[in-house]
Amino acid sequence: MKKALFIFIILASCASPEGGSEELQPEIFKSKIDGGATVLDVRTPEEYSNGHIAGSQNIDFKDPSFDANILTLDKARPYAVYCASGVRSGKAAEIMRQNGFTNVFTLAGGLKTWKEKGLPLE
């Protein structure tokens, strides 16, 4: 019984919070984009100009108006959020969730893993 309870606690702690964000591997992230998710690149404009996922919208996480900028988005849409390594996108997704966004997922390892898989950039 103790073992079953321990396993349940471990699995529950690894699950995404209700209405939270989910971290996806590049191929699955791409399938969500192909399925119509809005793609948000939360890197700086300089990083964005050096290559980004096609169709992505750049909303700089470091910009002081980041919170205001995301509040202009439709909260009901699915959002695929990425950055360089996954740190900023994770924080951005959490802010989005706290502001009522219900379908937000991030790219595991960020654009670094996207490139490692040989997936396309603009």
PDB file of N, CA and C in Angstrom:
ATOM      1  N   MET A   1       0.819  -1.188   0.000  1.00  0.00           N
ATOM      2  CA  MET A   1       0.000   0.000   0.000  1.00  0.00           C
ATOM      3  C   MET A   1       0.865   1.254   0.000  1.00  0.00           C
ATOM      4  N   LYS A   2       1.923   1.263   0.823  1.00  0.00           N
ATOM      5  CA  LYS A   2       2.809   2.421   0.870  1.00  0.00           C
ATOM      6  C   LYS A   2       3.470   2.642  -0.476  1.00  0.00           C
ATOM      7  N   LYS A   3       3.857   1.546  -1.141  1.00  0.00           N
ATOM      8  CA  LYS A   3       4.510   1.649  -2.440  1.00  0.00           C
ATOM      9  C   LYS A   3       3.555   2.259  -3.472  1.00  0.00           C
ATOM     10  N   ALA A   4       2.305   1.837  -3.469  1.00  0.00           N
ATOM     11  CA  ALA A   4       1.318   2.370  -4.409  1.00  0.00           C
ATOM     12  C   ALA A   4       1.085   3.856  -4.155  1.00  0.00           C
ATOM     13  N   LEU A   5       1.007   4.244  -2.900  1.00  0.00           N
ATOM     14  CA  LEU A   5       0.819   5.654  -2.551  1.00  0.00           C
ATOM     15  C   LEU A   5       2.026   6.472  -2.990  1.00  0.00           C
ATOM     16  N   PHE A   6       3.215   5.955  -2.784  1.00  0.00           N
ATOM     17  CA  PHE A   6       4.437   6.643  -3.198  1.00  0.00           C
ATOM     18  C   PHE A   6       4.448   6.857  -4.715  1.00  0.00           C
ATOM     19  N   ILE A   7       4.102   5.830  -5.469  1.00  0.00           N
ATOM     20  CA  ILE A   7       4.073   5.934  -6.927  1.00  0.00           C
ATOM     21  C   ILE A   7       3.035   6.963  -7.352  1.00  0.00           C
ATOM     22  N   PHE A   8       1.873   6.963  -6.723  1.00  0.00           N
ATOM     23  CA  PHE A   8       0.834   7.937  -7.057  1.00  0.00           C
ATOM     24  C   PHE A   8       1.333   9.357  -6.810  1.00  0.00           C
ATOM     25  N   ILE A   9       1.990   9.592  -5.699  1.00  0.00           N
ATOM     26  CA  ILE A   9       2.505  10.924  -5.369  1.00  0.00           C
ATOM     27  C   ILE A   9       3.541  11.358  -6.393  1.00  0.00           C
ATOM     28  N   ILE A  10       4.436  10.472  -6.769  1.00  0.00           N
ATOM     29  CA  ILE A  10       5.462  10.799  -7.770  1.00  0.00           C
ATOM     30  C   ILE A  10       4.811  11.142  -9.099  1.00  0.00           C
ATOM     31  N   LEU A  11       3.865  10.321  -9.547  1.00  0.00           N
ATOM     32  CA  LEU A  11       3.198  10.586 -10.827  1.00  0.00           C
ATOM     33  C   LEU A  11       2.398  11.879 -10.786  1.00  0.00           C
ATOM     34  N   ALA A  12       1.729  12.136  -9.695  1.00  0.00           N
ATOM     35  CA  ALA A  12       0.943  13.365  -9.574  1.00  0.00           C
ATOM     36  C   ALA A  12       1.829  14.600  -9.599  1.00  0.00           C
ATOM     37  N   SER A  13       3.013  14.503  -9.015  1.00  0.00           N
ATOM     38  CA  SER A  13       3.907  15.662  -8.987  1.00  0.00           C
ATOM     39  C   SER A  13       4.502  15.947 -10.363  1.00  0.00           C
ATOM     40  N   CYS A  14       4.509  14.959 -11.243  1.00  0.00           N
ATOM     41  CA  CYS A  14       5.049  15.149 -12.594  1.00  0.00           C
ATOM     42  C   CYS A  14       3.998  15.626 -13.583  1.00  0.00           C
ATOM     43  N   ALA A  15       2.747  15.536 -13.229  1.00  0.00           N
ATOM     44  CA  ALA A  15       1.678  15.926 -14.142  1.00  0.00           C
ATOM     45  C   ALA A  15       1.586  17.434 -14.245  1.00  0.00           C
ATOM     46  N   SER A  16       1.087  17.900 -15.407  1.00  0.00           N
ATOM     47  CA  SER A  16       0.848  19.321 -15.584  1.00  0.00           C
ATOM     48  C   SER A  16      -0.303  19.737 -14.691  1.00  0.00           C
ATOM     49  N   PRO A  17      -0.257  20.941 -14.134  1.00  0.00           N
ATOM     50  CA  PRO A  17      -1.380  21.404 -13.330  1.00  0.00           C
ATOM     51  C   PRO A  17      -2.607  21.580 -14.223  1.00  0.00           C
ATOM     52  N   GLU A  18      -3.780  21.459 -13.628  1.00  0.00           N
ATOM     53  CA  GLU A  18      -5.002  21.629 -14.404  1.00  0.00           C
ATOM     54  C   GLU A  18      -4.986  22.976 -15.089  1.00  0.00           C
ATOM     55  N   GLY A  19      -5.223  22.953 -16.393  1.00  0.00           N
ATOM     56  CA  GLY A  19      -5.200  24.185 -17.150  1.00  0.00           C
ATOM     57  C   GLY A  19      -3.797  24.732 -17.334  1.00  0.00           C
ATOM     58  N   GLY A  20      -2.793  23.942 -16.999  1.00  0.00           N
ATOM     59  CA  GLY A  20      -1.426  24.418 -17.067  1.00  0.00           C
ATOM     60  C   GLY A  20      -0.789  24.191 -18.410  1.00  0.00           C
ATOM     61  N   SER A  21       0.502  24.303 -18.414  1.00  0.00           N
ATOM     62  CA  SER A  21       1.218  24.116 -19.667  1.00  0.00           C
ATOM     63  C   SER A  21       1.798  22.713 -19.710  1.00  0.00           C
ATOM     64  N   GLU A  22       2.109  22.296 -20.908  1.00  0.00           N
ATOM     65  CA  GLU A  22       2.666  20.985 -21.132  1.00  0.00           C
ATOM     66  C   GLU A  22       3.923  21.156 -21.975  1.00  0.00           C
ATOM     67  N   GLU A  23       4.980  20.467 -21.603  1.00  0.00           N
ATOM     68  CA  GLU A  23       6.234  20.532 -22.344  1.00  0.00           C
ATOM     69  C   GLU A  23       6.263  19.379 -23.349  1.00  0.00           C
ATOM     70  N   LEU A  24       6.452  19.725 -24.637  1.00  0.00           N
ATOM     71  CA  LEU A  24       6.385  18.722 -25.694  1.00  0.00           C
ATOM     72  C   LEU A  24       7.709  18.584 -26.423  1.00  0.00           C
ATOM     73  N   GLN A  25       7.996  17.374 -26.876  1.00  0.00           N
ATOM     74  CA  GLN A  25       9.166  17.125 -27.706  1.00  0.00           C
ATOM     75  C   GLN A  25       8.941  17.777 -29.073  1.00  0.00           C
ATOM     76  N   PRO A  26      10.024  18.110 -29.792  1.00  0.00           N
ATOM     77  CA  PRO A  26       9.895  18.861 -31.045  1.00  0.00           C
ATOM     78  C   PRO A  26       8.901  18.306 -32.066  1.00  0.00           C
ATOM     79  N   GLU A  27       8.893  17.007 -32.290  1.00  0.00           N
ATOM     80  CA  GLU A  27       7.992  16.437 -33.294  1.00  0.00           C
ATOM     81  C   GLU A  27       6.525  16.625 -32.900  1.00  0.00           C
ATOM     82  N   ILE A  28       6.232  16.451 -31.627  1.00  0.00           N
ATOM     83  CA  ILE A  28       4.851  16.621 -31.154  1.00  0.00           C
ATOM     84  C   ILE A  28       4.478  18.102 -31.168  1.00  0.00           C
ATOM     85  N   PHE A  29       5.428  18.959 -30.773  1.00  0.00           N
ATOM     86  CA  PHE A  29       5.225  20.412 -30.816  1.00  0.00           C
ATOM     87  C   PHE A  29       4.884  20.832 -32.246  1.00  0.00           C
ATOM     88  N   LYS A  30       5.627  20.307 -33.220  1.00  0.00           N
ATOM     89  CA  LYS A  30       5.378  20.619 -34.632  1.00  0.00           C
ATOM     90  C   LYS A  30       3.993  20.151 -35.059  1.00  0.00           C
ATOM     91  N   SER A  31       3.577  18.989 -34.583  1.00  0.00           N
ATOM     92  CA  SER A  31       2.248  18.489 -34.957  1.00  0.00           C
ATOM     93  C   SER A  31       1.147  19.401 -34.399  1.00  0.00           C
ATOM     94  N   LYS A  32       1.375  19.979 -33.240  1.00  0.00           N
ATOM     95  CA  LYS A  32       0.406  20.930 -32.669  1.00  0.00           C
ATOM     96  C   LYS A  32       0.351  22.194 -33.524  1.00  0.00           C
ATOM     97  N   ILE A  33       1.512  22.644 -33.991  1.00  0.00           N
ATOM     98  CA  ILE A  33       1.565  23.818 -34.871  1.00  0.00           C
ATOM     99  C   ILE A  33       0.825  23.494 -36.166  1.00  0.00           C
ATOM    100  N   ASP A  34       1.115  22.338 -36.737  1.00  0.00           N
ATOM    101  CA  ASP A  34       0.462  21.909 -37.975  1.00  0.00           C
ATOM    102  C   ASP A  34      -1.048  21.779 -37.782  1.00  0.00           C
ATOM    103  N   GLY A  35      -1.463  21.537 -36.550  1.00  0.00           N
ATOM    104  CA  GLY A  35      -2.882  21.412 -36.220  1.00  0.00           C
ATOM    105  C   GLY A  35      -3.570  22.743 -35.968  1.00  0.00           C
ATOM    106  N   GLY A  36      -2.834  23.850 -36.081  1.00  0.00           N
ATOM    107  CA  GLY A  36      -3.462  25.162 -35.976  1.00  0.00           C
ATOM    108  C   GLY A  36      -3.143  25.973 -34.735  1.00  0.00           C
ATOM    109  N   ALA A  37      -2.252  25.499 -33.881  1.00  0.00           N
ATOM    110  CA  ALA A  37      -1.892  26.281 -32.694  1.00  0.00           C
ATOM    111  C   ALA A  37      -1.188  27.572 -33.102  1.00  0.00           C
ATOM    112  N   THR A  38      -1.421  28.621 -32.355  1.00  0.00           N
ATOM    113  CA  THR A  38      -0.720  29.887 -32.551  1.00  0.00           C
ATOM    114  C   THR A  38       0.670  29.738 -31.947  1.00  0.00           C
ATOM    115  N   VAL A  39       1.692  30.116 -32.698  1.00  0.00           N
ATOM    116  CA  VAL A  39       3.070  29.930 -32.259  1.00  0.00           C
ATOM    117  C   VAL A  39       3.614  31.246 -31.719  1.00  0.00           C
ATOM    118  N   LEU A  40       4.090  31.213 -30.477  1.00  0.00           N
ATOM    119  CA  LEU A  40       4.675  32.391 -29.850  1.00  0.00           C
ATOM    120  C   LEU A  40       6.152  32.161 -29.578  1.00  0.00           C
ATOM    121  N   ASP A  41       6.976  33.037 -30.102  1.00  0.00           N
ATOM    122  CA  ASP A  41       8.422  33.039 -29.842  1.00  0.00           C
ATOM    123  C   ASP A  41       8.649  34.125 -28.803  1.00  0.00           C
ATOM    124  N   VAL A  42       9.098  33.740 -27.610  1.00  0.00           N
ATOM    125  CA  VAL A  42       9.245  34.714 -26.530  1.00  0.00           C
ATOM    126  C   VAL A  42      10.691  35.189 -26.357  1.00  0.00           C
ATOM    127  N   ARG A  43      11.512  34.983 -27.385  1.00  0.00           N
ATOM    128  CA  ARG A  43      12.889  35.483 -27.354  1.00  0.00           C
ATOM    129  C   ARG A  43      12.907  36.965 -27.707  1.00  0.00           C
ATOM    130  N   THR A  44      14.084  37.560 -27.625  1.00  0.00           N
ATOM    131  CA  THR A  44      14.229  38.970 -27.975  1.00  0.00           C
ATOM    132  C   THR A  44      14.070  39.144 -29.487  1.00  0.00           C
ATOM    133  N   PRO A  45      13.750  40.361 -29.942  1.00  0.00           N
ATOM    134  CA  PRO A  45      13.653  40.598 -31.393  1.00  0.00           C
ATOM    135  C   PRO A  45      14.954  40.262 -32.132  1.00  0.00           C
ATOM    136  N   GLU A  46      16.082  40.491 -31.504  1.00  0.00           N
ATOM    137  CA  GLU A  46      17.375  40.162 -32.121  1.00  0.00           C
ATOM    138  C   GLU A  46      17.504  38.654 -32.321  1.00  0.00           C
ATOM    139  N   GLU A  47      17.152  37.886 -31.317  1.00  0.00           N
ATOM    140  CA  GLU A  47      17.194  36.423 -31.439  1.00  0.00           C
ATOM    141  C   GLU A  47      16.220  35.961 -32.523  1.00  0.00           C
ATOM    142  N   TYR A  48      15.041  36.528 -32.516  1.00  0.00           N
ATOM    143  CA  TYR A  48      14.008  36.173 -33.491  1.00  0.00           C
ATOM    144  C   TYR A  48      14.492  36.407 -34.918  1.00  0.00           C
ATOM    145  N   SER A  49      15.180  37.528 -35.135  1.00  0.00           N
ATOM    146  CA  SER A  49      15.641  37.868 -36.485  1.00  0.00           C
ATOM    147  C   SER A  49      16.735  36.923 -36.989  1.00  0.00           C
ATOM    148  N   ASN A  50      17.354  36.172 -36.081  1.00  0.00           N
ATOM    149  CA  ASN A  50      18.396  35.214 -36.467  1.00  0.00           C
ATOM    150  C   ASN A  50      17.843  33.837 -36.818  1.00  0.00           C
ATOM    151  N   GLY A  51      16.546  33.702 -36.858  1.00  0.00           N
ATOM    152  CA  GLY A  51      15.905  32.436 -37.198  1.00  0.00           C
ATOM    153  C   GLY A  51      14.794  32.107 -36.230  1.00  0.00           C
ATOM    154  N   HIS A  52      13.653  31.701 -36.775  1.00  0.00           N
ATOM    155  CA  HIS A  52      12.487  31.386 -35.952  1.00  0.00           C
ATOM    156  C   HIS A  52      11.610  30.363 -36.668  1.00  0.00           C
ATOM    157  N   ILE A  53      10.685  29.795 -35.934  1.00  0.00           N
ATOM    158  CA  ILE A  53       9.743  28.835 -36.507  1.00  0.00           C
ATOM    159  C   ILE A  53       8.763  29.611 -37.387  1.00  0.00           C
ATOM    160  N   ALA A  54       8.528  29.090 -38.588  1.00  0.00           N
ATOM    161  CA  ALA A  54       7.642  29.746 -39.551  1.00  0.00           C
ATOM    162  C   ALA A  54       6.279  30.042 -38.934  1.00  0.00           C
ATOM    163  N   GLY A  55       5.803  31.252 -39.182  1.00  0.00           N
ATOM    164  CA  GLY A  55       4.483  31.655 -38.704  1.00  0.00           C
ATOM    165  C   GLY A  55       4.432  32.096 -37.260  1.00  0.00           C
ATOM    166  N   SER A  56       5.574  32.106 -36.591  1.00  0.00           N
ATOM    167  CA  SER A  56       5.565  32.490 -35.178  1.00  0.00           C
ATOM    168  C   SER A  56       5.418  33.992 -35.001  1.00  0.00           C
ATOM    169  N   GLN A  57       4.837  34.353 -33.874  1.00  0.00           N
ATOM    170  CA  GLN A  57       4.665  35.745 -33.475  1.00  0.00           C
ATOM    171  C   GLN A  57       5.672  36.011 -32.362  1.00  0.00           C
ATOM    172  N   ASN A  58       6.415  37.081 -32.473  1.00  0.00           N
ATOM    173  CA  ASN A  58       7.436  37.413 -31.475  1.00  0.00           C
ATOM    174  C   ASN A  58       6.858  38.326 -30.398  1.00  0.00           C
ATOM    175  N   ILE A  59       6.801  37.811 -29.166  1.00  0.00           N
ATOM    176  CA  ILE A  59       6.413  38.603 -28.003  1.00  0.00           C
ATOM    177  C   ILE A  59       7.527  38.407 -26.980  1.00  0.00           C
ATOM    178  N   ASP A  60       8.389  39.391 -26.866  1.00  0.00           N
ATOM    179  CA  ASP A  60       9.600  39.328 -26.049  1.00  0.00           C
ATOM    180  C   ASP A  60       9.274  39.202 -24.560  1.00  0.00           C
ATOM    181  N   PHE A  61       9.680  38.072 -23.969  1.00  0.00           N
ATOM    182  CA  PHE A  61       9.451  37.845 -22.539  1.00  0.00           C
ATOM    183  C   PHE A  61      10.153  38.885 -21.671  1.00  0.00           C
ATOM    184  N   LYS A  62      11.285  39.395 -22.155  1.00  0.00           N
ATOM    185  CA  LYS A  62      12.063  40.367 -21.376  1.00  0.00           C
ATOM    186  C   LYS A  62      11.510  41.786 -21.470  1.00  0.00           C
ATOM    187  N   ASP A  63      10.585  42.008 -22.390  1.00  0.00           N
ATOM    188  CA  ASP A  63       9.979  43.330 -22.549  1.00  0.00           C
ATOM    189  C   ASP A  63       9.078  43.610 -21.342  1.00  0.00           C
ATOM    190  N   PRO A  64       9.188  44.796 -20.745  1.00  0.00           N
ATOM    191  CA  PRO A  64       8.337  45.118 -19.592  1.00  0.00           C
ATOM    192  C   PRO A  64       6.832  45.041 -19.882  1.00  0.00           C
ATOM    193  N   SER A  65       6.455  45.137 -21.134  1.00  0.00           N
ATOM    194  CA  SER A  65       5.033  45.070 -21.482  1.00  0.00           C
ATOM    195  C   SER A  65       4.591  43.655 -21.883  1.00  0.00           C
ATOM    196  N   PHE A  66       5.400  42.648 -21.562  1.00  0.00           N
ATOM    197  CA  PHE A  66       5.059  41.265 -21.930  1.00  0.00           C
ATOM    198  C   PHE A  66       3.662  40.883 -21.443  1.00  0.00           C
ATOM    199  N   ASP A  67       3.369  41.108 -20.171  1.00  0.00           N
ATOM    200  CA  ASP A  67       2.068  40.718 -19.620  1.00  0.00           C
ATOM    201  C   ASP A  67       0.931  41.400 -20.375  1.00  0.00           C
ATOM    202  N   ALA A  68       1.077  42.685 -20.632  1.00  0.00           N
ATOM    203  CA  ALA A  68       0.042  43.420 -21.369  1.00  0.00           C
ATOM    204  C   ALA A  68      -0.096  42.888 -22.790  1.00  0.00           C
ATOM    205  N   ASN A  69       1.012  42.533 -23.409  1.00  0.00           N
ATOM    206  CA  ASN A  69       0.980  42.016 -24.781  1.00  0.00           C
ATOM    207  C   ASN A  69       0.245  40.684 -24.871  1.00  0.00           C
ATOM    208  N   ILE A  70       0.474  39.800 -23.908  1.00  0.00           N
ATOM    209  CA  ILE A  70      -0.211  38.504 -23.993  1.00  0.00           C
ATOM    210  C   ILE A  70      -1.707  38.641 -23.694  1.00  0.00           C
ATOM    211  N   LEU A  71      -2.061  39.648 -22.927  1.00  0.00           N
ATOM    212  CA  LEU A  71      -3.480  39.826 -22.614  1.00  0.00           C
ATOM    213  C   LEU A  71      -4.301  40.273 -23.823  1.00  0.00           C
ATOM    214  N   THR A  72      -3.629  40.648 -24.902  1.00  0.00           N
ATOM    215  CA  THR A  72      -4.346  41.001 -26.135  1.00  0.00           C
ATOM    216  C   THR A  72      -4.697  39.760 -26.947  1.00  0.00           C
ATOM    217  N   LEU A  73      -4.167  38.596 -26.551  1.00  0.00           N
ATOM    218  CA  LEU A  73      -4.384  37.350 -27.283  1.00  0.00           C
ATOM    219  C   LEU A  73      -5.694  36.674 -26.869  1.00  0.00           C
ATOM    220  N   ASP A  74      -6.240  35.863 -27.752  1.00  0.00           N
ATOM    221  CA  ASP A  74      -7.460  35.095 -27.495  1.00  0.00           C
ATOM    222  C   ASP A  74      -7.129  33.938 -26.543  1.00  0.00           C
ATOM    223  N   LYS A  75      -7.678  33.974 -25.356  1.00  0.00           N
ATOM    224  CA  LYS A  75      -7.367  32.969 -24.333  1.00  0.00           C
ATOM    225  C   LYS A  75      -7.886  31.577 -24.665  1.00  0.00           C
ATOM    226  N   ALA A  76      -8.829  31.480 -25.580  1.00  0.00           N
ATOM    227  CA  ALA A  76      -9.415  30.182 -25.923  1.00  0.00           C
ATOM    228  C   ALA A  76      -8.586  29.401 -26.939  1.00  0.00           C
ATOM    229  N   ARG A  77      -7.667  30.069 -27.630  1.00  0.00           N
ATOM    230  CA  ARG A  77      -6.855  29.401 -28.662  1.00  0.00           C
ATOM    231  C   ARG A  77      -5.749  28.559 -28.029  1.00  0.00           C
ATOM    232  N   PRO A  78      -5.261  27.549 -28.748  1.00  0.00           N
ATOM    233  CA  PRO A  78      -4.079  26.816 -28.279  1.00  0.00           C
ATOM    234  C   PRO A  78      -2.813  27.597 -28.653  1.00  0.00           C
ATOM    235  N   TYR A  79      -1.840  27.597 -27.758  1.00  0.00           N
ATOM    236  CA  TYR A  79      -0.587  28.330 -27.971  1.00  0.00           C
ATOM    237  C   TYR A  79       0.613  27.408 -27.817  1.00  0.00           C
ATOM    238  N   ALA A  80       1.492  27.451 -28.827  1.00  0.00           N
ATOM    239  CA  ALA A  80       2.756  26.739 -28.824  1.00  0.00           C
ATOM    240  C   ALA A  80       3.828  27.788 -28.533  1.00  0.00           C
ATOM    241  N   VAL A  81       4.433  27.734 -27.356  1.00  0.00           N
ATOM    242  CA  VAL A  81       5.356  28.770 -26.903  1.00  0.00           C
ATOM    243  C   VAL A  81       6.775  28.206 -26.846  1.00  0.00           C
ATOM    244  N   TYR A  82       7.723  28.978 -27.401  1.00  0.00           N
ATOM    245  CA  TYR A  82       9.110  28.514 -27.359  1.00  0.00           C
ATOM    246  C   TYR A  82      10.069  29.685 -27.161  1.00  0.00           C
ATOM    247  N   CYS A  83      11.285  29.333 -26.756  1.00  0.00           N
ATOM    248  CA  CYS A  83      12.389  30.289 -26.618  1.00  0.00           C
ATOM    249  C   CYS A  83      13.664  29.556 -27.051  1.00  0.00           C
ATOM    250  N   ALA A  84      14.796  30.016 -26.605  1.00  0.00           N
ATOM    251  CA  ALA A  84      16.070  29.405 -27.005  1.00  0.00           C
ATOM    252  C   ALA A  84      16.292  28.036 -26.353  1.00  0.00           C
ATOM    253  N   SER A  85      16.036  27.949 -25.043  1.00  0.00           N
ATOM    254  CA  SER A  85      16.346  26.708 -24.334  1.00  0.00           C
ATOM    255  C   SER A  85      15.188  26.122 -23.529  1.00  0.00           C
ATOM    256  N   GLY A  86      14.098  26.847 -23.408  1.00  0.00           N
ATOM    257  CA  GLY A  86      12.946  26.356 -22.669  1.00  0.00           C
ATOM    258  C   GLY A  86      12.686  27.057 -21.361  1.00  0.00           C
ATOM    259  N   VAL A  87      13.617  27.878 -20.897  1.00  0.00           N
ATOM    260  CA  VAL A  87      13.449  28.549 -19.600  1.00  0.00           C
ATOM    261  C   VAL A  87      12.412  29.668 -19.694  1.00  0.00           C
ATOM    262  N   ARG A  88      12.619  30.608 -20.610  1.00  0.00           N
ATOM    263  CA  ARG A  88      11.685  31.731 -20.749  1.00  0.00           C
ATOM    264  C   ARG A  88      10.304  31.256 -21.169  1.00  0.00           C
ATOM    265  N   SER A  89      10.246  30.273 -22.068  1.00  0.00           N
ATOM    266  CA  SER A  89       8.928  29.795 -22.509  1.00  0.00           C
ATOM    267  C   SER A  89       8.159  29.152 -21.359  1.00  0.00           C
ATOM    268  N   GLY A  90       8.855  28.457 -20.475  1.00  0.00           N
ATOM    269  CA  GLY A  90       8.196  27.875 -19.305  1.00  0.00           C
ATOM    270  C   GLY A  90       7.623  28.947 -18.399  1.00  0.00           C
ATOM    271  N   LYS A  91       8.389  30.004 -18.185  1.00  0.00           N
ATOM    272  CA  LYS A  91       7.917  31.123 -17.362  1.00  0.00           C
ATOM    273  C   LYS A  91       6.768  31.848 -18.056  1.00  0.00           C
ATOM    274  N   ALA A  92       6.887  32.044 -19.363  1.00  0.00           N
ATOM    275  CA  ALA A  92       5.831  32.710 -20.131  1.00  0.00           C
ATOM    276  C   ALA A  92       4.539  31.903 -20.079  1.00  0.00           C
ATOM    277  N   ALA A  93       4.643  30.592 -20.255  1.00  0.00           N
ATOM    278  CA  ALA A  93       3.463  29.726 -20.215  1.00  0.00           C
ATOM    279  C   ALA A  93       2.789  29.788 -18.851  1.00  0.00           C
ATOM    280  N   GLU A  94       3.576  29.855 -17.796  1.00  0.00           N
ATOM    281  CA  GLU A  94       3.011  29.955 -16.447  1.00  0.00           C
ATOM    282  C   GLU A  94       2.264  31.276 -16.279  1.00  0.00           C
ATOM    283  N   ILE A  95       2.824  32.358 -16.764  1.00  0.00           N
ATOM    284  CA  ILE A  95       2.143  33.659 -16.701  1.00  0.00           C
ATOM    285  C   ILE A  95       0.846  33.602 -17.499  1.00  0.00           C
ATOM    286  N   MET A  96       0.901  32.978 -18.665  1.00  0.00           N
ATOM    287  CA  MET A  96      -0.303  32.853 -19.480  1.00  0.00           C
ATOM    288  C   MET A  96      -1.370  32.059 -18.735  1.00  0.00           C
ATOM    289  N   ARG A  97      -0.978  30.954 -18.132  1.00  0.00           N
ATOM    290  CA  ARG A  97      -1.933  30.130 -17.373  1.00  0.00           C
ATOM    291  C   ARG A  97      -2.548  30.926 -16.238  1.00  0.00           C
ATOM    292  N   GLN A  98      -1.730  31.690 -15.533  1.00  0.00           N
ATOM    293  CA  GLN A  98      -2.238  32.507 -14.430  1.00  0.00           C
ATOM    294  C   GLN A  98      -3.211  33.588 -14.900  1.00  0.00           C
ATOM    295  N   ASN A  99      -3.141  33.918 -16.185  1.00  0.00           N
ATOM    296  CA  ASN A  99      -4.015  34.937 -16.753  1.00  0.00           C
ATOM    297  C   ASN A  99      -5.177  34.352 -17.543  1.00  0.00           C
ATOM    298  N   GLY A 100      -5.462  33.081 -17.341  1.00  0.00           N
ATOM    299  CA  GLY A 100      -6.654  32.480 -17.905  1.00  0.00           C
ATOM    300  C   GLY A 100      -6.501  31.729 -19.208  1.00  0.00           C
ATOM    301  N   PHE A 101      -5.285  31.570 -19.713  1.00  0.00           N
ATOM    302  CA  PHE A 101      -5.070  30.776 -20.919  1.00  0.00           C
ATOM    303  C   PHE A 101      -5.156  29.304 -20.524  1.00  0.00           C
ATOM    304  N   THR A 102      -5.908  28.531 -21.276  1.00  0.00           N
ATOM    305  CA  THR A 102      -6.161  27.149 -20.865  1.00  0.00           C
ATOM    306  C   THR A 102      -5.466  26.089 -21.706  1.00  0.00           C
ATOM    307  N   ASN A 103      -4.906  26.478 -22.854  1.00  0.00           N
ATOM    308  CA  ASN A 103      -4.281  25.485 -23.726  1.00  0.00           C
ATOM    309  C   ASN A 103      -2.922  26.015 -24.194  1.00  0.00           C
ATOM    310  N   VAL A 104      -1.935  25.870 -23.321  1.00  0.00           N
ATOM    311  CA  VAL A 104      -0.586  26.383 -23.579  1.00  0.00           C
ATOM    312  C   VAL A 104       0.397  25.236 -23.440  1.00  0.00           C
ATOM    313  N   PHE A 105       1.269  25.087 -24.417  1.00  0.00           N
ATOM    314  CA  PHE A 105       2.312  24.081 -24.320  1.00  0.00           C
ATOM    315  C   PHE A 105       3.623  24.680 -24.800  1.00  0.00           C
ATOM    316  N   THR A 106       4.722  24.120 -24.329  1.00  0.00           N
ATOM    317  CA  THR A 106       6.049  24.637 -24.628  1.00  0.00           C
ATOM    318  C   THR A 106       6.895  23.591 -25.327  1.00  0.00           C
ATOM    319  N   LEU A 107       7.956  24.071 -25.965  1.00  0.00           N
ATOM    320  CA  LEU A 107       8.900  23.217 -26.672  1.00  0.00           C
ATOM    321  C   LEU A 107       9.993  22.775 -25.706  1.00  0.00           C
ATOM    322  N   ALA A 108      10.035  21.486 -25.407  1.00  0.00           N
ATOM    323  CA  ALA A 108      11.052  20.941 -24.507  1.00  0.00           C
ATOM    324  C   ALA A 108      12.444  21.232 -25.065  1.00  0.00           C
ATOM    325  N   GLY A 109      13.275  21.898 -24.284  1.00  0.00           N
ATOM    326  CA  GLY A 109      14.633  22.217 -24.709  1.00  0.00           C
ATOM    327  C   GLY A 109      14.727  23.401 -25.645  1.00  0.00           C
ATOM    328  N   GLY A 110      13.584  24.009 -25.953  1.00  0.00           N
ATOM    329  CA  GLY A 110      13.566  25.206 -26.780  1.00  0.00           C
ATOM    330  C   GLY A 110      14.028  24.993 -28.209  1.00  0.00           C
ATOM    331  N   LEU A 111      14.368  26.101 -28.846  1.00  0.00           N
ATOM    332  CA  LEU A 111      14.777  26.071 -30.242  1.00  0.00           C
ATOM    333  C   LEU A 111      16.040  25.235 -30.444  1.00  0.00           C
ATOM    334  N   LYS A 112      16.808  25.075 -29.390  1.00  0.00           N
ATOM    335  CA  LYS A 112      18.016  24.241 -29.463  1.00  0.00           C
ATOM    336  C   LYS A 112      17.649  22.814 -29.875  1.00  0.00           C
ATOM    337  N   THR A 113      16.639  22.228 -29.230  1.00  0.00           N
ATOM    338  CA  THR A 113      16.251  20.860 -29.573  1.00  0.00           C
ATOM    339  C   THR A 113      15.550  20.806 -30.932  1.00  0.00           C
ATOM    340  N   TRP A 114      14.837  21.859 -31.281  1.00  0.00           N
ATOM    341  CA  TRP A 114      14.196  21.943 -32.601  1.00  0.00           C
ATOM    342  C   TRP A 114      15.261  21.822 -33.691  1.00  0.00           C
ATOM    343  N   LYS A 115      16.346  22.602 -33.536  1.00  0.00           N
ATOM    344  CA  LYS A 115      17.439  22.576 -34.508  1.00  0.00           C
ATOM    345  C   LYS A 115      18.140  21.223 -34.534  1.00  0.00           C
ATOM    346  N   GLU A 116      18.333  20.626 -33.350  1.00  0.00           N
ATOM    347  CA  GLU A 116      18.999  19.332 -33.271  1.00  0.00           C
ATOM    348  C   GLU A 116      18.221  18.256 -34.031  1.00  0.00           C
ATOM    349  N   LYS A 117      16.901  18.398 -34.092  1.00  0.00           N
ATOM    350  CA  LYS A 117      16.057  17.434 -34.809  1.00  0.00           C
ATOM    351  C   LYS A 117      15.999  17.749 -36.301  1.00  0.00           C
ATOM    352  N   GLY A 118      16.659  18.829 -36.721  1.00  0.00           N
ATOM    353  CA  GLY A 118      16.689  19.185 -38.138  1.00  0.00           C
ATOM    354  C   GLY A 118      15.384  19.778 -38.643  1.00  0.00           C
ATOM    355  N   LEU A 119      14.578  20.326 -37.743  1.00  0.00           N
ATOM    356  CA  LEU A 119      13.308  20.919 -38.150  1.00  0.00           C
ATOM    357  C   LEU A 119      13.538  22.317 -38.706  1.00  0.00           C
ATOM    358  N   PRO A 120      12.659  22.766 -39.608  1.00  0.00           N
ATOM    359  CA  PRO A 120      12.911  24.009 -40.362  1.00  0.00           C
ATOM    360  C   PRO A 120      12.750  25.296 -39.564  1.00  0.00           C
ATOM    361  N   LEU A 121      13.531  26.299 -39.993  1.00  0.00           N
ATOM    362  CA  LEU A 121      13.462  27.664 -39.457  1.00  0.00           C
ATOM    363  C   LEU A 121      13.360  28.640 -40.617  1.00  0.00           C
ATOM    364  N   GLU A 122      12.824  29.792 -40.333  1.00  0.00           N
ATOM    365  CA  GLU A 122      12.812  30.896 -41.299  1.00  0.00           C
ATOM    366  C   GLU A 122      13.930  31.841 -40.935  1.00  0.00           C
TER     367      GLU A 122
END
